Amino acid sequence: MTAPVPLSADYLSTFQSPHFGVLVQRYKRFLADVRLDNGEVVTAHCTNTGSMKGVCVPGERVLLSHNPAPHRKLHWTWEATRLPELPQGGWVGINTAQPNRVVKEALSRGLITALADAGTVKAEIKIDAHTRLDFVLTHPKTGRKTFVEVKNVTLTDGGSAKGRTALFPDSVSERALKHLDTLERLAGQGHRACVFFVTQRQDCTAVAAAGDIDPDYAAGLTRVCARGVEALAYSFIVDEKGIRLGAPLPVRT
């Protein structure tokens, strides 16, 4: 098994043994065939269960990580897609496991300004028998809890290179709406509650709900933000080594 690349001061997550190729096809939702630069065609795990509209483009360059551990059915994971419309043909991160990793690392380093003083970080919090949220931060002195649910964003409105808006979700998501309802309930109980949009691309200047795709989620986001839930967003810089923190983005609710 190849050891993971140690994190530098800049990277929040690094790709394990990155390889490059061209997307042949995505199928059965979780599988993608990729022709590597050496000509070999491999099947990679696609963690993204959404439509991947705009970032699943046969013929475009893709980045895979490689982990040949014996317990893994697939040794390859699709990490990112290179899109010509991004500055200098930049990368868009599509691996939905990465947002939680990078947010946890950024929170632990105190890099998220709005949450820098929220306290110690704990992941995968069970709220009730049917719901988990990604993180809870507990203030060491007051004990106040801040609940955070992370959402991965890859879709945009098309816009211009200077003014694209990132949109979530890219397909109808009852689960995401349920998370909003949970955050609203926690905010009503006096806790701090946040939905955190991780935009794994560098060409967006704001984030909004994709009302044309999921009007219920768009209405839900507007509702919960009016009732005390905070909507936070950052762009994250994806390159051939890994993922770094970019700039905070406004969320239009």
Protein backbone atom coordinates (compact mmCIF):
# COMPACT_ATOMS: atom_id res chain seq x y z
CA MET A 1 0.00 0.00 0.00
CA THR A 2 1.33 3.43 -0.94
CA ALA A 3 1.67 5.78 2.02
CA PRO A 4 -0.38 8.99 1.83
CA VAL A 5 1.52 12.13 0.96
CA PRO A 6 2.16 14.19 4.14
CA LEU A 7 0.17 17.41 4.34
CA SER A 8 2.08 20.62 3.74
CA ALA A 9 1.20 23.87 5.46
CA ASP A 10 -0.97 24.77 2.48
CA TYR A 11 -2.76 21.55 1.57
CA LEU A 12 -5.77 20.33 3.53
CA SER A 13 -5.81 17.02 1.67
CA THR A 14 -3.43 15.42 -0.80
CA PHE A 15 -4.13 12.84 -3.48
CA GLN A 16 -2.62 9.41 -2.95
CA SER A 17 -0.47 8.34 -5.90
CA PRO A 18 -2.24 10.59 -8.45
CA HIS A 19 -2.63 9.36 -12.02
CA PHE A 20 -4.12 11.10 -15.05
CA GLY A 21 -6.19 10.05 -18.00
CA VAL A 22 -9.35 10.66 -20.02
CA LEU A 23 -12.89 9.79 -18.94
CA VAL A 24 -14.43 7.08 -21.11
CA GLN A 25 -17.76 6.71 -19.33
CA ARG A 26 -19.54 6.81 -15.99
CA TYR A 27 -22.06 4.03 -15.38
CA LYS A 28 -24.02 2.30 -12.62
CA ARG A 29 -23.61 5.59 -10.75
CA PHE A 30 -20.55 4.45 -8.79
CA LEU A 31 -18.27 3.32 -11.63
CA ALA A 32 -16.18 5.15 -14.20
CA ASP A 33 -13.91 3.82 -16.92
CA VAL A 34 -10.80 5.93 -17.49
CA ARG A 35 -8.10 5.57 -20.13
CA LEU A 36 -4.83 6.35 -18.34
CA ASP A 37 -2.06 8.23 -20.07
CA ASN A 38 -0.20 4.93 -20.54
CA GLY A 39 -3.16 3.58 -22.57
CA GLU A 40 -4.51 1.23 -19.90
CA VAL A 41 -8.26 1.43 -19.22
CA VAL A 42 -9.12 1.12 -15.52
CA THR A 43 -12.39 1.17 -13.58
CA ALA A 44 -12.50 3.78 -10.83
CA HIS A 45 -14.86 4.28 -7.92
CA CYS A 46 -17.09 7.34 -8.34
CA THR A 47 -18.16 8.51 -4.87
CA ASN A 48 -20.45 11.20 -6.26
CA THR A 49 -24.10 10.06 -6.34
CA GLY A 50 -25.44 13.27 -7.92
CA SER A 51 -26.00 13.98 -11.58
CA MET A 52 -22.49 15.49 -11.91
CA LYS A 53 -23.90 17.83 -14.53
CA GLY A 54 -21.09 19.73 -16.22
CA VAL A 55 -18.28 17.74 -14.58
CA CYS A 56 -18.93 14.27 -16.02
CA VAL A 57 -17.78 14.82 -19.58
CA PRO A 58 -16.43 11.88 -21.61
CA GLY A 59 -13.20 12.87 -23.29
CA GLU A 60 -12.16 15.37 -20.60
CA ARG A 61 -9.04 14.95 -18.48
CA VAL A 62 -9.54 13.35 -15.07
CA LEU A 63 -7.39 12.76 -12.02
CA LEU A 64 -7.47 9.45 -10.14
CA SER A 65 -5.94 8.47 -6.83
CA HIS A 66 -4.53 4.96 -6.51
CA ASN A 67 -4.74 2.77 -3.42
CA PRO A 68 -4.03 -0.92 -4.08
CA ALA A 69 -4.96 -2.08 -0.56
CA PRO A 70 -6.07 -5.75 -0.58
CA HIS A 71 -9.44 -5.01 1.05
CA ARG A 72 -10.50 -2.59 -1.70
CA LYS A 73 -12.60 -3.90 -4.59
CA LEU A 74 -11.54 -0.92 -6.71
CA HIS A 75 -8.03 0.44 -6.36
CA TRP A 76 -8.78 3.66 -8.22
CA THR A 77 -10.87 6.65 -7.09
CA TRP A 78 -12.01 9.47 -9.36
CA GLU A 79 -10.90 12.69 -7.65
CA ALA A 80 -11.26 15.54 -10.13
CA THR A 81 -12.15 16.61 -13.66
CA ARG A 82 -10.25 19.21 -15.67
CA LEU A 83 -12.52 21.70 -17.43
CA PRO A 84 -11.41 24.07 -20.22
CA GLU A 85 -13.70 26.88 -18.99
CA LEU A 86 -11.80 27.19 -15.71
CA PRO A 87 -8.81 29.54 -15.54
CA GLN A 88 -5.86 27.79 -17.18
CA GLY A 89 -7.99 24.67 -17.55
CA GLY A 90 -8.26 24.11 -13.82
CA TRP A 91 -9.56 21.14 -11.87
CA VAL A 92 -12.96 20.57 -10.25
CA GLY A 93 -12.99 18.16 -7.32
CA ILE A 94 -15.77 15.58 -7.63
CA ASN A 95 -14.91 13.16 -4.81
CA THR A 96 -17.66 13.67 -2.21
CA ALA A 97 -15.47 12.18 0.54
CA GLN A 98 -13.02 15.07 0.25
CA PRO A 99 -15.20 17.96 1.55
CA ASN A 100 -15.47 16.52 5.05
CA ARG A 101 -11.72 15.89 5.13
CA VAL A 102 -10.79 19.40 4.08
CA VAL A 103 -13.38 21.09 6.31
CA LYS A 104 -12.25 19.08 9.33
CA GLU A 105 -8.63 20.01 8.66
CA ALA A 106 -9.51 23.67 8.11
CA LEU A 107 -11.59 23.77 11.31
CA SER A 108 -8.81 22.09 13.29
CA ARG A 109 -6.33 24.71 12.05
CA GLY A 110 -8.74 27.56 12.81
CA LEU A 111 -8.80 28.64 9.16
CA ILE A 112 -12.56 29.14 8.84
CA THR A 113 -12.94 32.68 10.19
CA ALA A 114 -16.61 32.42 11.11
CA LEU A 115 -15.95 29.26 13.15
CA ALA A 116 -12.41 29.93 14.39
CA ASP A 117 -13.50 30.35 18.03
CA ALA A 118 -16.29 27.77 18.06
CA GLY A 119 -14.24 25.15 19.93
CA THR A 120 -13.00 21.60 19.55
CA VAL A 121 -14.13 19.53 16.57
CA LYS A 122 -15.88 16.16 16.62
CA ALA A 123 -17.03 14.40 13.47
CA GLU A 124 -20.08 12.28 12.56
CA ILE A 125 -22.54 13.36 15.23
CA LYS A 126 -25.68 11.28 15.76
CA ILE A 127 -28.59 13.68 16.30
CA ASP A 128 -31.35 11.07 16.52
CA ALA A 129 -32.08 7.53 15.37
CA HIS A 130 -32.28 8.61 11.73
CA THR A 131 -29.99 11.64 11.37
CA ARG A 132 -26.29 12.38 11.58
CA LEU A 133 -24.55 15.69 10.97
CA ASP A 134 -20.95 16.06 9.88
CA PHE A 135 -19.44 18.03 12.78
CA VAL A 136 -20.10 19.52 16.18
CA LEU A 137 -17.76 22.10 17.70
CA THR A 138 -17.91 22.59 21.47
CA HIS A 139 -16.66 25.79 23.08
CA PRO A 140 -14.23 24.88 25.91
CA LYS A 141 -15.53 27.56 28.31
CA THR A 142 -19.21 28.07 27.56
CA GLY A 143 -19.97 24.55 26.30
CA ARG A 144 -22.01 26.01 23.47
CA LYS A 145 -22.33 23.66 20.55
CA THR A 146 -22.03 24.56 16.88
CA PHE A 147 -23.41 21.97 14.46
CA VAL A 148 -22.07 21.93 10.89
CA GLU A 149 -23.37 20.03 7.87
CA VAL A 150 -21.09 20.00 4.81
CA LYS A 151 -22.30 20.00 1.21
CA ASN A 152 -20.19 19.43 -1.89
CA VAL A 153 -20.79 21.82 -4.80
CA THR A 154 -19.62 21.28 -8.40
CA LEU A 155 -22.46 22.70 -10.52
CA THR A 156 -22.56 26.31 -11.76
CA ASP A 157 -25.06 28.54 -13.53
CA GLY A 158 -22.74 28.80 -16.54
CA GLY A 159 -22.19 32.54 -16.03
CA SER A 160 -19.01 34.21 -17.13
CA ALA A 161 -15.48 33.45 -16.03
CA LYS A 162 -15.72 36.49 -13.75
CA GLY A 163 -19.13 35.79 -12.27
CA ARG A 164 -20.28 32.21 -12.07
CA THR A 165 -22.56 31.16 -9.22
CA ALA A 166 -22.07 27.70 -7.72
CA LEU A 167 -25.37 25.81 -7.35
CA PHE A 168 -26.45 23.07 -4.94
CA PRO A 169 -27.81 20.44 -5.33
CA ASP A 170 -27.25 19.09 -8.85
CA SER A 171 -30.18 16.66 -8.46
CA VAL A 172 -33.19 16.46 -6.13
CA SER A 173 -31.96 15.62 -2.63
CA GLU A 174 -34.45 14.73 0.09
CA ARG A 175 -31.51 13.93 2.37
CA ALA A 176 -30.08 17.44 2.03
CA LEU A 177 -33.49 18.92 2.81
CA LYS A 178 -33.75 16.74 5.91
CA HIS A 179 -30.39 18.09 7.07
CA LEU A 180 -31.75 21.64 6.75
CA ASP A 181 -34.75 20.68 8.88
CA THR A 182 -32.41 19.23 11.52
CA LEU A 183 -30.26 22.35 11.56
CA GLU A 184 -33.37 24.50 11.92
CA ARG A 185 -34.51 22.43 14.90
CA LEU A 186 -31.10 22.71 16.58
CA ALA A 187 -31.01 26.48 16.01
CA GLY A 188 -34.43 26.70 17.63
CA GLN A 189 -33.02 24.91 20.68
CA GLY A 190 -30.41 27.64 21.13
CA HIS A 191 -27.50 25.91 19.42
CA ARG A 192 -25.49 27.41 16.59
CA ALA A 193 -26.25 25.60 13.33
CA CYS A 194 -24.48 25.97 9.97
CA VAL A 195 -24.70 24.53 6.49
CA PHE A 196 -21.25 24.72 4.88
CA PHE A 197 -20.95 24.65 1.08
CA VAL A 198 -17.61 23.35 -0.20
CA THR A 199 -17.12 24.64 -3.74
CA GLN A 200 -14.39 22.48 -5.26
CA ARG A 201 -13.69 24.89 -8.11
CA GLN A 202 -12.07 28.33 -8.39
CA ASP A 203 -14.33 30.11 -10.89
CA CYS A 204 -17.31 31.04 -8.70
CA THR A 205 -18.04 34.26 -6.84
CA ALA A 206 -21.14 33.14 -4.90
CA VAL A 207 -23.20 30.09 -3.94
CA ALA A 208 -26.97 29.64 -4.21
CA ALA A 209 -29.57 26.89 -4.12
CA ALA A 210 -30.37 25.30 -7.48
CA GLY A 211 -34.05 26.21 -7.44
CA ASP A 212 -34.68 24.99 -10.99
CA ILE A 213 -33.43 21.53 -10.01
CA ASP A 214 -34.72 21.23 -6.44
CA PRO A 215 -37.24 23.96 -5.57
CA ASP A 216 -37.99 22.35 -2.19
CA TYR A 217 -34.35 22.63 -1.17
CA ALA A 218 -34.18 26.24 -2.36
CA ALA A 219 -37.28 27.13 -0.34
CA GLY A 220 -35.90 25.23 2.63
CA LEU A 221 -32.59 27.08 2.55
CA THR A 222 -34.39 30.42 2.49
CA ARG A 223 -36.65 29.34 5.37
CA VAL A 224 -33.96 27.99 7.71
CA CYS A 225 -31.62 30.93 7.16
CA ALA A 226 -34.46 33.24 8.20
CA ARG A 227 -34.80 31.17 11.37
CA GLY A 228 -31.22 31.26 12.60
CA VAL A 229 -29.28 28.74 10.51
CA GLU A 230 -26.04 30.16 9.08
CA ALA A 231 -25.03 29.46 5.48
CA LEU A 232 -21.26 29.47 4.97
CA ALA A 233 -19.30 28.78 1.79
CA TYR A 234 -15.69 28.67 0.65
CA SER A 235 -14.02 27.97 -2.64
CA PHE A 236 -11.37 25.27 -2.50
CA ILE A 237 -8.41 25.13 -4.85
CA VAL A 238 -7.96 21.74 -6.51
CA ASP A 239 -4.70 21.02 -8.31
CA GLU A 240 -2.67 17.97 -9.27
CA LYS A 241 -1.36 17.48 -5.73
CA GLY A 242 -4.42 18.01 -3.58
CA ILE A 243 -6.84 20.57 -2.16
CA ARG A 244 -6.19 23.94 -0.51
CA LEU A 245 -8.46 26.51 1.08
CA GLY A 246 -9.57 29.36 -1.17
CA ALA A 247 -11.73 32.36 -0.40
CA PRO A 248 -15.01 32.68 1.50
CA LEU A 249 -18.04 33.09 -0.77
CA PRO A 250 -21.39 34.77 -0.11
CA VAL A 251 -24.43 32.49 -0.04
CA ARG A 252 -27.54 33.86 -1.72
CA THR A 253 -30.62 32.68 0.12
